[in-house]
Amino acid sequence: MIARHAASDLAHRLGEHAEAVCRHYLSNGRRQGTYWTVGDVRNAPGRSMFVRLQPSPKGPPGKWTDAATGEHGDLLDVIRESLGLVNFRDVADEARAFLAMPDVESEQRPTMKPPSARTGSPEAARRLVAMSKPIIGTLVETYLRGRGITTLHGTAALQFHPHCYYRPDDHGPTTTLPAMIAAVTDLDGHLTGAHRTWLASDGTGKARVNTPRRAMGDLLGHAVRFGVPGSVMAAGEGIETTLSLRCAMPDMAMAAALSASHLAAILFPPNLRRLYVIRDRDPAGDGARDCLLERATDAGIEAIVLSPAMDDFNEDLRHFGLGAFRASIADQLMRKDCIRYLTEAA
């Protein structure tokens, strides 16, 4: 009975992300209307198998039928057959990994070793991003606008997940909370990690948990990117800080490295000639600034520090308003960049 309940719950959760499941395990198929079509459940090319992607009177998403063989099932069957698995435990482990879920049985047995690091791997990050959706009209938009960030075009790196798993630091029970998901990518645009900001249920702030922000995957040197960098770009630590500067200069490419140490190690695009370093007023921010300035100089890149009047640029934006904030930025830019970026943004 327990196994049957677990299977039903996993199948339901997979069905909530049916298209993402199909894209991963049935990669030889493609979407046609409200169905995913493929050759068979073992991912052969073709069009005889249909996977329902949306709820309908005929049944929930994730249910499938192979018109050629008469086979039918759910997305757990897709995982089992496409990977050639036999035991339900192996299928369930794979499903939980795809959903970035914890292994509940392992949590209940303290003598067992902790879950595999795979749950925090780049692959787990990729799956989490694939299961998320654009931010417009979601709690993420509410959250960002509440912080004075209103320039939201070109923010495809940010996504919304309505039920992102959160495990407390004290190993308390795992819960689900809405979250802003940020895709971390390398210089070629390949996803290497993800950053989660758990939000309050109404989007008016962060969730009331001990660590509302966490990253996963391969982060060193990489960043959450907004825009395609040319010869000029800006780089900072936090997502909100970087997005605040972007409100003043929406056409300048920017990158959020997610921490001071990662900002110091961020990789430079090959065509970069001038880097604006977004500074936070704290010891860690000063250390990251100095390290990044030295690395940029050694690479032949002109580096210029942009400093906030208060603790960070988001605080400046909210306290002074966009007009005054833009004026304070203008005093720190190269004249040609001021003309190029601030004039176009005005």
C-alpha atoms as a PDB file:
ATOM      1  CA  MET A   1       0.000   0.000   0.000  1.00  0.00           C
ATOM      2  CA  ILE A   2       2.850   2.389   0.867  1.00  0.00           C
ATOM      3  CA  ALA A   3       4.614   1.669  -2.436  1.00  0.00           C
ATOM      4  CA  ARG A   4       1.365   2.176  -4.324  1.00  0.00           C
ATOM      5  CA  HIS A   5       0.765   5.511  -2.586  1.00  0.00           C
ATOM      6  CA  ALA A   6       4.358   6.614  -3.272  1.00  0.00           C
ATOM      7  CA  ALA A   7       4.022   5.654  -6.932  1.00  0.00           C
ATOM      8  CA  SER A   8       0.744   7.548  -7.275  1.00  0.00           C
ATOM      9  CA  ASP A   9       2.230  10.661  -5.647  1.00  0.00           C
ATOM     10  CA  LEU A  10       5.344  10.573  -7.840  1.00  0.00           C
ATOM     11  CA  ALA A  11       3.292  10.033 -10.995  1.00  0.00           C
ATOM     12  CA  HIS A  12       1.108  13.012 -10.064  1.00  0.00           C
ATOM     13  CA  ARG A  13       4.123  15.253  -9.439  1.00  0.00           C
ATOM     14  CA  LEU A  14       5.736  14.188 -12.689  1.00  0.00           C
ATOM     15  CA  GLY A  15       2.474  14.930 -14.468  1.00  0.00           C
ATOM     16  CA  GLU A  16       2.648  18.537 -13.225  1.00  0.00           C
ATOM     17  CA  HIS A  17       5.809  18.846 -15.330  1.00  0.00           C
ATOM     18  CA  ALA A  18       4.845  16.469 -18.120  1.00  0.00           C
ATOM     19  CA  GLU A  19       6.489  18.378 -20.950  1.00  0.00           C
ATOM     20  CA  ALA A  20       9.797  18.704 -19.077  1.00  0.00           C
ATOM     21  CA  VAL A  21       9.729  14.946 -18.360  1.00  0.00           C
ATOM     22  CA  CYS A  22       9.066  14.179 -22.014  1.00  0.00           C
ATOM     23  CA  ARG A  23      11.782  16.482 -23.252  1.00  0.00           C
ATOM     24  CA  HIS A  24      14.277  14.708 -21.009  1.00  0.00           C
ATOM     25  CA  TYR A  25      13.297  11.027 -21.268  1.00  0.00           C
ATOM     26  CA  LEU A  26      11.563  11.032 -24.668  1.00  0.00           C
ATOM     27  CA  SER A  27      14.003  13.359 -26.420  1.00  0.00           C
ATOM     28  CA  ASN A  28      13.351  11.817 -29.846  1.00  0.00           C
ATOM     29  CA  GLY A  29       9.804  13.152 -29.806  1.00  0.00           C
ATOM     30  CA  ARG A  30       8.262  16.595 -30.056  1.00  0.00           C
ATOM     31  CA  ARG A  31       5.255  18.539 -28.897  1.00  0.00           C
ATOM     32  CA  GLN A  32       2.122  18.530 -31.058  1.00  0.00           C
ATOM     33  CA  GLY A  33      -0.637  20.637 -29.551  1.00  0.00           C
ATOM     34  CA  THR A  34      -1.441  19.298 -26.094  1.00  0.00           C
ATOM     35  CA  TYR A  35       0.465  16.034 -26.635  1.00  0.00           C
ATOM     36  CA  TRP A  36       4.049  14.846 -26.861  1.00  0.00           C
ATOM     37  CA  THR A  37       4.512  12.382 -29.705  1.00  0.00           C
ATOM     38  CA  VAL A  38       7.301   9.824 -30.022  1.00  0.00           C
ATOM     39  CA  GLY A  39       7.840   6.344 -31.455  1.00  0.00           C
ATOM     40  CA  ASP A  40       7.402   4.378 -28.245  1.00  0.00           C
ATOM     41  CA  VAL A  41       7.952   4.425 -24.501  1.00  0.00           C
ATOM     42  CA  ARG A  42      11.598   3.436 -25.017  1.00  0.00           C
ATOM     43  CA  ASN A  43      12.217   6.739 -26.874  1.00  0.00           C
ATOM     44  CA  ALA A  44      12.334   5.400 -30.416  1.00  0.00           C
ATOM     45  CA  PRO A  45      11.772   7.982 -33.181  1.00  0.00           C
ATOM     46  CA  GLY A  46       8.251   8.048 -34.546  1.00  0.00           C
ATOM     47  CA  ARG A  47       4.748   9.317 -33.805  1.00  0.00           C
ATOM     48  CA  SER A  48       2.660   6.383 -32.584  1.00  0.00           C
ATOM     49  CA  MET A  49       2.883   7.165 -28.853  1.00  0.00           C
ATOM     50  CA  PHE A  50       0.966  10.119 -27.396  1.00  0.00           C
ATOM     51  CA  VAL A  51       1.656  11.632 -23.954  1.00  0.00           C
ATOM     52  CA  ARG A  52      -0.984  13.999 -22.590  1.00  0.00           C
ATOM     53  CA  LEU A  53       0.630  17.283 -21.474  1.00  0.00           C
ATOM     54  CA  GLN A  54      -2.393  19.046 -20.002  1.00  0.00           C
ATOM     55  CA  PRO A  55      -5.413  18.009 -17.905  1.00  0.00           C
ATOM     56  CA  SER A  56      -8.413  16.993 -19.977  1.00  0.00           C
ATOM     57  CA  PRO A  57     -11.738  15.132 -19.549  1.00  0.00           C
ATOM     58  CA  LYS A  58      -9.852  12.043 -20.731  1.00  0.00           C
ATOM     59  CA  GLY A  59      -7.466  12.113 -17.783  1.00  0.00           C
ATOM     60  CA  PRO A  60      -4.582  13.865 -16.039  1.00  0.00           C
ATOM     61  CA  PRO A  61      -1.364  14.990 -17.719  1.00  0.00           C
ATOM     62  CA  GLY A  62       1.337  12.365 -18.038  1.00  0.00           C
ATOM     63  CA  LYS A  63      -0.903   9.524 -19.164  1.00  0.00           C
ATOM     64  CA  TRP A  64       0.146   7.993 -22.471  1.00  0.00           C
ATOM     65  CA  THR A  65      -0.986   5.496 -25.068  1.00  0.00           C
ATOM     66  CA  ASP A  66       0.912   3.789 -27.873  1.00  0.00           C
ATOM     67  CA  ALA A  67      -1.506   3.486 -30.790  1.00  0.00           C
ATOM     68  CA  ALA A  68       0.666   0.872 -32.498  1.00  0.00           C
ATOM     69  CA  THR A  69       0.975  -1.583 -29.598  1.00  0.00           C
ATOM     70  CA  GLY A  70      -1.894  -0.669 -27.287  1.00  0.00           C
ATOM     71  CA  GLU A  71       0.524  -0.073 -24.410  1.00  0.00           C
ATOM     72  CA  HIS A  72      -0.411   2.660 -21.949  1.00  0.00           C
ATOM     73  CA  GLY A  73       0.776   4.012 -18.629  1.00  0.00           C
ATOM     74  CA  ASP A  74       2.081   7.040 -16.773  1.00  0.00           C
ATOM     75  CA  LEU A  75       5.372   8.930 -16.579  1.00  0.00           C
ATOM     76  CA  LEU A  76       6.887   6.478 -14.102  1.00  0.00           C
ATOM     77  CA  ASP A  77       6.544   3.882 -16.849  1.00  0.00           C
ATOM     78  CA  VAL A  78       8.267   6.301 -19.222  1.00  0.00           C
ATOM     79  CA  ILE A  79      11.223   6.613 -16.830  1.00  0.00           C
ATOM     80  CA  ARG A  80      11.392   2.858 -16.285  1.00  0.00           C
ATOM     81  CA  GLU A  81      11.243   1.867 -19.938  1.00  0.00           C
ATOM     82  CA  SER A  82      13.356   4.678 -21.398  1.00  0.00           C
ATOM     83  CA  LEU A  83      16.182   3.932 -18.955  1.00  0.00           C
ATOM     84  CA  GLY A  84      15.736   0.162 -18.840  1.00  0.00           C
ATOM     85  CA  LEU A  85      15.144   0.076 -15.078  1.00  0.00           C
ATOM     86  CA  VAL A  86      13.599  -2.890 -13.295  1.00  0.00           C
ATOM     87  CA  ASN A  87      13.116  -2.160  -9.587  1.00  0.00           C
ATOM     88  CA  PHE A  88      10.551   0.389  -8.445  1.00  0.00           C
ATOM     89  CA  ARG A  89      13.081   1.858  -6.000  1.00  0.00           C
ATOM     90  CA  ASP A  90      15.403   2.705  -8.894  1.00  0.00           C
ATOM     91  CA  VAL A  91      12.534   4.278 -10.827  1.00  0.00           C
ATOM     92  CA  ALA A  92      11.435   6.255  -7.762  1.00  0.00           C
ATOM     93  CA  ASP A  93      14.990   7.446  -7.099  1.00  0.00           C
ATOM     94  CA  GLU A  94      15.282   8.644 -10.689  1.00  0.00           C
ATOM     95  CA  ALA A  95      11.902  10.419 -10.480  1.00  0.00           C
ATOM     96  CA  ARG A  96      12.858  12.144  -7.217  1.00  0.00           C
ATOM     97  CA  ALA A  97      16.182  13.229  -8.685  1.00  0.00           C
ATOM     98  CA  PHE A  98      14.410  14.690 -11.708  1.00  0.00           C
ATOM     99  CA  LEU A  99      11.994  16.555  -9.449  1.00  0.00           C
ATOM    100  CA  ALA A 100      14.863  17.586  -7.131  1.00  0.00           C
ATOM    101  CA  MET A 101      12.983  15.892  -4.297  1.00  0.00           C
ATOM    102  CA  PRO A 102      14.642  14.480  -1.172  1.00  0.00           C
ATOM    103  CA  ASP A 103      14.608  10.748  -0.523  1.00  0.00           C
ATOM    104  CA  VAL A 104      11.961  10.613   2.219  1.00  0.00           C
ATOM    105  CA  GLU A 105      12.903   7.113   3.314  1.00  0.00           C
ATOM    106  CA  SER A 106      16.534   8.158   3.815  1.00  0.00           C
ATOM    107  CA  GLU A 107      15.393  11.112   5.920  1.00  0.00           C
ATOM    108  CA  GLN A 108      13.481   8.769   8.201  1.00  0.00           C
ATOM    109  CA  ARG A 109      16.498   6.494   8.727  1.00  0.00           C
ATOM    110  CA  PRO A 110      19.266   8.543  10.415  1.00  0.00           C
ATOM    111  CA  THR A 111      21.681   5.608  10.341  1.00  0.00           C
ATOM    112  CA  MET A 112      21.737   5.643   6.553  1.00  0.00           C
ATOM    113  CA  LYS A 113      24.142   7.827   4.612  1.00  0.00           C
ATOM    114  CA  PRO A 114      22.784  11.222   3.444  1.00  0.00           C
ATOM    115  CA  PRO A 115      21.229  11.596  -0.005  1.00  0.00           C
ATOM    116  CA  SER A 116      23.619  11.596  -2.943  1.00  0.00           C
ATOM    117  CA  ALA A 117      25.204  14.895  -3.941  1.00  0.00           C
ATOM    118  CA  ARG A 118      23.404  14.462  -7.229  1.00  0.00           C
ATOM    119  CA  THR A 119      20.482  16.454  -5.813  1.00  0.00           C
ATOM    120  CA  GLY A 120      22.713  19.550  -5.844  1.00  0.00           C
ATOM    121  CA  SER A 121      24.440  18.801  -9.115  1.00  0.00           C
ATOM    122  CA  PRO A 122      24.315  20.758 -12.388  1.00  0.00           C
ATOM    123  CA  GLU A 123      21.945  18.084 -13.709  1.00  0.00           C
ATOM    124  CA  ALA A 124      19.554  18.636 -10.793  1.00  0.00           C
ATOM    125  CA  ALA A 125      19.794  22.381 -11.430  1.00  0.00           C
ATOM    126  CA  ARG A 126      18.981  21.882 -15.102  1.00  0.00           C
ATOM    127  CA  ARG A 127      15.907  19.864 -14.215  1.00  0.00           C
ATOM    128  CA  LEU A 128      14.749  22.449 -11.697  1.00  0.00           C
ATOM    129  CA  VAL A 129      15.011  25.226 -14.287  1.00  0.00           C
ATOM    130  CA  ALA A 130      13.202  23.067 -16.854  1.00  0.00           C
ATOM    131  CA  MET A 131      10.275  22.626 -14.444  1.00  0.00           C
ATOM    132  CA  SER A 132       9.955  26.357 -13.783  1.00  0.00           C
ATOM    133  CA  LYS A 133       8.085  28.979 -15.802  1.00  0.00           C
ATOM    134  CA  PRO A 134       8.495  32.652 -16.854  1.00  0.00           C
ATOM    135  CA  ILE A 135       8.124  35.214 -14.091  1.00  0.00           C
ATOM    136  CA  ILE A 136       5.602  37.646 -15.611  1.00  0.00           C
ATOM    137  CA  GLY A 137       2.322  37.464 -13.731  1.00  0.00           C
ATOM    138  CA  THR A 138       3.830  35.365 -10.921  1.00  0.00           C
ATOM    139  CA  LEU A 139       4.956  35.965  -7.338  1.00  0.00           C
ATOM    140  CA  VAL A 140       8.469  36.649  -8.645  1.00  0.00           C
ATOM    141  CA  GLU A 141       7.224  39.698 -10.515  1.00  0.00           C
ATOM    142  CA  THR A 142       5.400  40.836  -7.365  1.00  0.00           C
ATOM    143  CA  TYR A 143       8.550  40.346  -5.301  1.00  0.00           C
ATOM    144  CA  LEU A 144      10.835  42.231  -7.693  1.00  0.00           C
ATOM    145  CA  ARG A 145       8.433  45.123  -8.200  1.00  0.00           C
ATOM    146  CA  GLY A 146       8.137  45.355  -4.426  1.00  0.00           C
ATOM    147  CA  ARG A 147      11.885  45.976  -4.378  1.00  0.00           C
ATOM    148  CA  GLY A 148      11.583  48.753  -6.962  1.00  0.00           C
ATOM    149  CA  ILE A 149      12.760  46.591  -9.860  1.00  0.00           C
ATOM    150  CA  THR A 150      10.417  47.269 -12.768  1.00  0.00           C
ATOM    151  CA  THR A 151      12.658  46.625 -15.802  1.00  0.00           C
ATOM    152  CA  LEU A 152      11.819  42.975 -16.361  1.00  0.00           C
ATOM    153  CA  HIS A 153      12.245  42.469 -20.113  1.00  0.00           C
ATOM    154  CA  GLY A 154      15.321  40.429 -20.964  1.00  0.00           C
ATOM    155  CA  THR A 155      15.203  38.503 -17.680  1.00  0.00           C
ATOM    156  CA  ALA A 156      14.711  35.027 -19.129  1.00  0.00           C
ATOM    157  CA  ALA A 157      17.382  33.781 -16.716  1.00  0.00           C
ATOM    158  CA  LEU A 158      14.785  34.168 -13.952  1.00  0.00           C
ATOM    159  CA  GLN A 159      11.952  31.667 -13.551  1.00  0.00           C
ATOM    160  CA  PHE A 160       9.191  30.860 -11.072  1.00  0.00           C
ATOM    161  CA  HIS A 161       8.597  27.560  -9.310  1.00  0.00           C
ATOM    162  CA  PRO A 162       5.375  27.451  -7.254  1.00  0.00           C
ATOM    163  CA  HIS A 163       6.391  24.449  -5.089  1.00  0.00           C
ATOM    164  CA  CYS A 164      10.176  24.379  -4.695  1.00  0.00           C
ATOM    165  CA  TYR A 165      11.463  21.998  -2.041  1.00  0.00           C
ATOM    166  CA  TYR A 166      13.066  23.545   1.030  1.00  0.00           C
ATOM    167  CA  ARG A 167      14.977  21.566   3.631  1.00  0.00           C
ATOM    168  CA  PRO A 168      15.714  23.465   6.877  1.00  0.00           C
ATOM    169  CA  ASP A 169      19.292  23.744   8.082  1.00  0.00           C
ATOM    170  CA  ASP A 170      18.408  21.815  11.245  1.00  0.00           C
ATOM    171  CA  HIS A 171      17.262  18.840   9.124  1.00  0.00           C
ATOM    172  CA  GLY A 172      13.624  19.466   9.997  1.00  0.00           C
ATOM    173  CA  PRO A 173      10.833  18.280   7.727  1.00  0.00           C
ATOM    174  CA  THR A 174      11.086  19.248   4.076  1.00  0.00           C
ATOM    175  CA  THR A 175       8.428  21.656   2.839  1.00  0.00           C
ATOM    176  CA  THR A 176       7.532  23.298  -0.462  1.00  0.00           C
ATOM    177  CA  LEU A 177       7.505  27.060  -0.990  1.00  0.00           C
ATOM    178  CA  PRO A 178       7.211  29.370  -4.001  1.00  0.00           C
ATOM    179  CA  ALA A 179      10.629  30.399  -5.280  1.00  0.00           C
ATOM    180  CA  MET A 180      12.471  32.562  -7.771  1.00  0.00           C
ATOM    181  CA  ILE A 181      14.765  30.291  -9.769  1.00  0.00           C
ATOM    182  CA  ALA A 182      17.799  31.858 -11.450  1.00  0.00           C
ATOM    183  CA  ALA A 183      19.711  29.968 -14.122  1.00  0.00           C
ATOM    184  CA  VAL A 184      23.496  30.077 -13.755  1.00  0.00           C
ATOM    185  CA  THR A 185      25.301  29.764 -17.100  1.00  0.00           C
ATOM    186  CA  ASP A 186      28.813  29.722 -18.492  1.00  0.00           C
ATOM    187  CA  LEU A 187      30.137  32.055 -21.184  1.00  0.00           C
ATOM    188  CA  ASP A 188      28.640  29.849 -23.898  1.00  0.00           C
ATOM    189  CA  GLY A 189      25.178  29.953 -22.349  1.00  0.00           C
ATOM    190  CA  HIS A 190      25.261  26.388 -21.018  1.00  0.00           C
ATOM    191  CA  LEU A 191      23.442  25.962 -17.720  1.00  0.00           C
ATOM    192  CA  THR A 192      25.799  24.976 -14.896  1.00  0.00           C
ATOM    193  CA  GLY A 193      23.724  25.682 -11.794  1.00  0.00           C
ATOM    194  CA  ALA A 194      20.704  27.380 -10.286  1.00  0.00           C
ATOM    195  CA  HIS A 195      19.949  29.799  -7.481  1.00  0.00           C
ATOM    196  CA  ARG A 196      16.769  29.655  -5.412  1.00  0.00           C
ATOM    197  CA  THR A 197      15.143  32.514  -3.513  1.00  0.00           C
ATOM    198  CA  TRP A 198      12.163  31.221  -1.553  1.00  0.00           C
ATOM    199  CA  LEU A 199       9.323  33.731  -1.340  1.00  0.00           C
ATOM    200  CA  ALA A 200       6.441  34.565   0.956  1.00  0.00           C
ATOM    201  CA  SER A 201       3.113  33.170  -0.201  1.00  0.00           C
ATOM    202  CA  ASP A 202       1.968  36.643  -1.355  1.00  0.00           C
ATOM    203  CA  GLY A 203       5.276  37.630  -2.943  1.00  0.00           C
ATOM    204  CA  THR A 204       5.765  40.637  -0.655  1.00  0.00           C
ATOM    205  CA  GLY A 205       9.177  39.442   0.502  1.00  0.00           C
ATOM    206  CA  LYS A 206      11.330  36.414   1.097  1.00  0.00           C
ATOM    207  CA  ALA A 207       9.965  33.377   2.900  1.00  0.00           C
ATOM    208  CA  ARG A 208      10.406  33.395   6.658  1.00  0.00           C
ATOM    209  CA  VAL A 209      13.001  30.623   6.744  1.00  0.00           C
ATOM    210  CA  ASN A 210      16.566  30.563   8.050  1.00  0.00           C
ATOM    211  CA  THR A 211      18.240  30.524   4.642  1.00  0.00           C
ATOM    212  CA  PRO A 212      15.848  31.891   1.991  1.00  0.00           C
ATOM    213  CA  ARG A 213      18.613  31.846  -0.637  1.00  0.00           C
ATOM    214  CA  ARG A 214      20.580  28.824  -1.786  1.00  0.00           C
ATOM    215  CA  ALA A 215      22.576  27.873  -4.861  1.00  0.00           C
ATOM    216  CA  MET A 216      23.229  24.500  -6.447  1.00  0.00           C
ATOM    217  CA  GLY A 217      25.446  23.177  -9.203  1.00  0.00           C
ATOM    218  CA  ASP A 218      28.736  24.473 -10.599  1.00  0.00           C
ATOM    219  CA  LEU A 219      28.955  28.197  -9.809  1.00  0.00           C
ATOM    220  CA  LEU A 220      32.627  29.173  -9.832  1.00  0.00           C
ATOM    221  CA  GLY A 221      33.345  31.548 -12.695  1.00  0.00           C
ATOM    222  CA  HIS A 222      29.748  31.478 -13.901  1.00  0.00           C
ATOM    223  CA  ALA A 223      26.812  33.830 -13.326  1.00  0.00           C
ATOM    224  CA  VAL A 224      23.146  34.681 -13.761  1.00  0.00           C
ATOM    225  CA  ARG A 225      23.259  36.676 -16.995  1.00  0.00           C
ATOM    226  CA  PHE A 226      21.083  39.474 -18.363  1.00  0.00           C
ATOM    227  CA  GLY A 227      21.794  40.447 -21.963  1.00  0.00           C
ATOM    228  CA  VAL A 228      24.582  39.356 -24.299  1.00  0.00           C
ATOM    229  CA  PRO A 229      27.911  40.955 -23.354  1.00  0.00           C
ATOM    230  CA  GLY A 230      29.755  42.943 -25.966  1.00  0.00           C
ATOM    231  CA  SER A 231      32.787  45.054 -25.252  1.00  0.00           C
ATOM    232  CA  VAL A 232      31.143  46.535 -22.126  1.00  0.00           C
ATOM    233  CA  MET A 233      29.341  44.830 -19.247  1.00  0.00           C
ATOM    234  CA  ALA A 234      28.675  45.142 -15.511  1.00  0.00           C
ATOM    235  CA  ALA A 235      29.029  42.446 -12.865  1.00  0.00           C
ATOM    236  CA  GLY A 236      27.851  42.315  -9.264  1.00  0.00           C
ATOM    237  CA  GLU A 237      27.103  39.927  -6.437  1.00  0.00           C
ATOM    238  CA  GLY A 238      23.361  39.694  -5.871  1.00  0.00           C
ATOM    239  CA  ILE A 239      20.521  39.327  -8.333  1.00  0.00           C
ATOM    240  CA  GLU A 240      18.480  42.226  -6.927  1.00  0.00           C
ATOM    241  CA  THR A 241      21.531  44.508  -6.796  1.00  0.00           C
ATOM    242  CA  THR A 242      22.397  43.765 -10.413  1.00  0.00           C
ATOM    243  CA  LEU A 243      18.779  44.145 -11.561  1.00  0.00           C
ATOM    244  CA  SER A 244      18.609  47.507  -9.787  1.00  0.00           C
ATOM    245  CA  LEU A 245      21.489  48.845 -11.900  1.00  0.00           C
ATOM    246  CA  ARG A 246      19.794  47.359 -14.937  1.00  0.00           C
ATOM    247  CA  CYS A 247      16.739  49.545 -14.247  1.00  0.00           C
ATOM    248  CA  ALA A 248      18.990  52.541 -14.929  1.00  0.00           C
ATOM    249  CA  MET A 249      20.809  50.949 -17.883  1.00  0.00           C
ATOM    250  CA  PRO A 250      18.599  48.215 -19.403  1.00  0.00           C
ATOM    251  CA  ASP A 251      20.728  47.886 -22.545  1.00  0.00           C
ATOM    252  CA  MET A 252      24.010  47.135 -20.795  1.00  0.00           C
ATOM    253  CA  ALA A 253      24.755  43.416 -20.379  1.00  0.00           C
ATOM    254  CA  MET A 254      25.053  42.433 -16.720  1.00  0.00           C
ATOM    255  CA  ALA A 255      25.896  39.388 -14.651  1.00  0.00           C
ATOM    256  CA  ALA A 256      25.157  38.435 -11.040  1.00  0.00           C
ATOM    257  CA  ALA A 257      27.807  36.115  -9.583  1.00  0.00           C
ATOM    258  CA  LEU A 258      25.686  35.372  -6.442  1.00  0.00           C
ATOM    259  CA  SER A 259      28.435  35.935  -3.836  1.00  0.00           C
ATOM    260  CA  ALA A 260      31.529  38.026  -3.226  1.00  0.00           C
ATOM    261  CA  SER A 261      33.888  35.084  -3.716  1.00  0.00           C
ATOM    262  CA  HIS A 262      32.222  34.115  -6.980  1.00  0.00           C
ATOM    263  CA  LEU A 263      32.268  37.712  -8.190  1.00  0.00           C
ATOM    264  CA  ALA A 264      36.019  37.799  -7.651  1.00  0.00           C
ATOM    265  CA  ALA A 265      36.361  34.669  -9.827  1.00  0.00           C
ATOM    266  CA  ILE A 266      33.885  35.504 -12.591  1.00  0.00           C
ATOM    267  CA  LEU A 267      35.120  34.623 -16.087  1.00  0.00           C
ATOM    268  CA  PHE A 268      35.535  37.363 -18.698  1.00  0.00           C
ATOM    269  CA  PRO A 269      33.918  37.156 -22.156  1.00  0.00           C
ATOM    270  CA  PRO A 270      36.631  37.088 -24.839  1.00  0.00           C
ATOM    271  CA  ASN A 271      35.518  40.386 -26.414  1.00  0.00           C
ATOM    272  CA  LEU A 272      35.218  42.321 -23.132  1.00  0.00           C
ATOM    273  CA  ARG A 273      37.121  45.600 -23.046  1.00  0.00           C
ATOM    274  CA  ARG A 274      35.519  47.458 -20.134  1.00  0.00           C
ATOM    275  CA  LEU A 275      34.027  46.000 -16.953  1.00  0.00           C
ATOM    276  CA  TYR A 276      31.928  47.914 -14.445  1.00  0.00           C
ATOM    277  CA  VAL A 277      32.221  46.285 -11.028  1.00  0.00           C
ATOM    278  CA  ILE A 278      29.071  46.708  -8.938  1.00  0.00           C
ATOM    279  CA  ARG A 279      30.272  47.201  -5.390  1.00  0.00           C
ATOM    280  CA  ASP A 280      28.475  46.345  -2.161  1.00  0.00           C
ATOM    281  CA  ARG A 281      29.550  48.352   0.869  1.00  0.00           C
ATOM    282  CA  ASP A 282      30.868  45.581   3.107  1.00  0.00           C
ATOM    283  CA  PRO A 283      34.269  43.952   3.729  1.00  0.00           C
ATOM    284  CA  ALA A 284      33.480  40.991   1.481  1.00  0.00           C
ATOM    285  CA  GLY A 285      32.416  43.340  -1.295  1.00  0.00           C
ATOM    286  CA  ASP A 286      35.635  45.334  -0.978  1.00  0.00           C
ATOM    287  CA  GLY A 287      37.705  42.148  -1.191  1.00  0.00           C
ATOM    288  CA  ALA A 288      35.838  40.966  -4.285  1.00  0.00           C
ATOM    289  CA  ARG A 289      36.267  44.387  -5.879  1.00  0.00           C
ATOM    290  CA  ASP A 290      40.027  44.438  -5.334  1.00  0.00           C
ATOM    291  CA  CYS A 291      40.518  40.892  -6.621  1.00  0.00           C
ATOM    292  CA  LEU A 292      38.367  41.478  -9.693  1.00  0.00           C
ATOM    293  CA  LEU A 293      40.103  44.760 -10.497  1.00  0.00           C
ATOM    294  CA  GLU A 294      43.472  43.016 -10.386  1.00  0.00           C
ATOM    295  CA  ARG A 295      42.303  40.129 -12.590  1.00  0.00           C
ATOM    296  CA  ALA A 296      40.729  42.502 -15.121  1.00  0.00           C
ATOM    297  CA  THR A 297      43.853  44.646 -15.319  1.00  0.00           C
ATOM    298  CA  ASP A 298      46.019  41.577 -15.873  1.00  0.00           C
ATOM    299  CA  ALA A 299      43.676  40.550 -18.706  1.00  0.00           C
ATOM    300  CA  GLY A 300      43.943  43.961 -20.379  1.00  0.00           C
ATOM    301  CA  ILE A 301      40.374  44.933 -19.444  1.00  0.00           C
ATOM    302  CA  GLU A 302      39.563  48.399 -18.150  1.00  0.00           C
ATOM    303  CA  ALA A 303      37.745  48.007 -14.824  1.00  0.00           C
ATOM    304  CA  ILE A 304      35.677  50.738 -13.180  1.00  0.00           C
ATOM    305  CA  VAL A 305      33.993  50.459  -9.779  1.00  0.00           C
ATOM    306  CA  LEU A 306      30.392  51.613  -9.352  1.00  0.00           C
ATOM    307  CA  SER A 307      29.661  52.414  -5.700  1.00  0.00           C
ATOM    308  CA  PRO A 308      26.260  52.858  -3.985  1.00  0.00           C
ATOM    309  CA  ALA A 309      25.475  55.775  -1.715  1.00  0.00           C
ATOM    310  CA  MET A 310      23.950  53.357   0.809  1.00  0.00           C
ATOM    311  CA  ASP A 311      24.731  49.667   1.366  1.00  0.00           C
ATOM    312  CA  ASP A 312      23.877  48.472  -2.140  1.00  0.00           C
ATOM    313  CA  PHE A 313      22.230  49.618  -5.355  1.00  0.00           C
ATOM    314  CA  ASN A 314      18.839  48.146  -4.512  1.00  0.00           C
ATOM    315  CA  GLU A 315      18.743  50.213  -1.358  1.00  0.00           C
ATOM    316  CA  ASP A 316      19.721  53.277  -3.410  1.00  0.00           C
ATOM    317  CA  LEU A 317      16.986  52.595  -5.971  1.00  0.00           C
ATOM    318  CA  ARG A 318      14.280  52.186  -3.350  1.00  0.00           C
ATOM    319  CA  HIS A 319      15.388  55.117  -1.206  1.00  0.00           C
ATOM    320  CA  PHE A 320      16.150  57.757  -3.855  1.00  0.00           C
ATOM    321  CA  GLY A 321      13.926  56.702  -6.767  1.00  0.00           C
ATOM    322  CA  LEU A 322      14.958  55.858 -10.313  1.00  0.00           C
ATOM    323  CA  GLY A 323      15.678  59.405 -11.479  1.00  0.00           C
ATOM    324  CA  ALA A 324      18.096  60.265  -8.680  1.00  0.00           C
ATOM    325  CA  PHE A 325      19.585  56.785  -8.828  1.00  0.00           C
ATOM    326  CA  ARG A 326      20.280  57.153 -12.545  1.00  0.00           C
ATOM    327  CA  ALA A 327      21.920  60.552 -11.919  1.00  0.00           C
ATOM    328  CA  SER A 328      24.236  59.033  -9.294  1.00  0.00           C
ATOM    329  CA  ILE A 329      25.265  56.335 -11.775  1.00  0.00           C
ATOM    330  CA  ALA A 330      25.928  58.888 -14.517  1.00  0.00           C
ATOM    331  CA  ASP A 331      28.642  60.519 -12.412  1.00  0.00           C
ATOM    332  CA  GLN A 332      30.543  57.217 -12.266  1.00  0.00           C
ATOM    333  CA  LEU A 333      30.374  56.097 -15.909  1.00  0.00           C
ATOM    334  CA  MET A 334      32.753  56.783 -18.765  1.00  0.00           C
ATOM    335  CA  ARG A 335      31.260  59.655 -20.760  1.00  0.00           C
ATOM    336  CA  LYS A 336      30.750  57.555 -23.897  1.00  0.00           C
ATOM    337  CA  ASP A 337      28.969  54.861 -21.870  1.00  0.00           C
ATOM    338  CA  CYS A 338      26.841  57.490 -20.159  1.00  0.00           C
ATOM    339  CA  ILE A 339      25.736  58.744 -23.575  1.00  0.00           C
ATOM    340  CA  ARG A 340      25.203  55.249 -24.964  1.00  0.00           C
ATOM    341  CA  TYR A 341      23.394  53.588 -22.064  1.00  0.00           C
ATOM    342  CA  LEU A 342      21.799  56.277 -19.909  1.00  0.00           C
ATOM    343  CA  THR A 343      20.556  58.428 -22.778  1.00  0.00           C
ATOM    344  CA  GLU A 344      18.851  55.417 -24.393  1.00  0.00           C
ATOM    345  CA  ALA A 345      17.320  54.432 -21.074  1.00  0.00           C
ATOM    346  CA  ALA A 346      15.956  57.872 -20.292  1.00  0.00           C
END
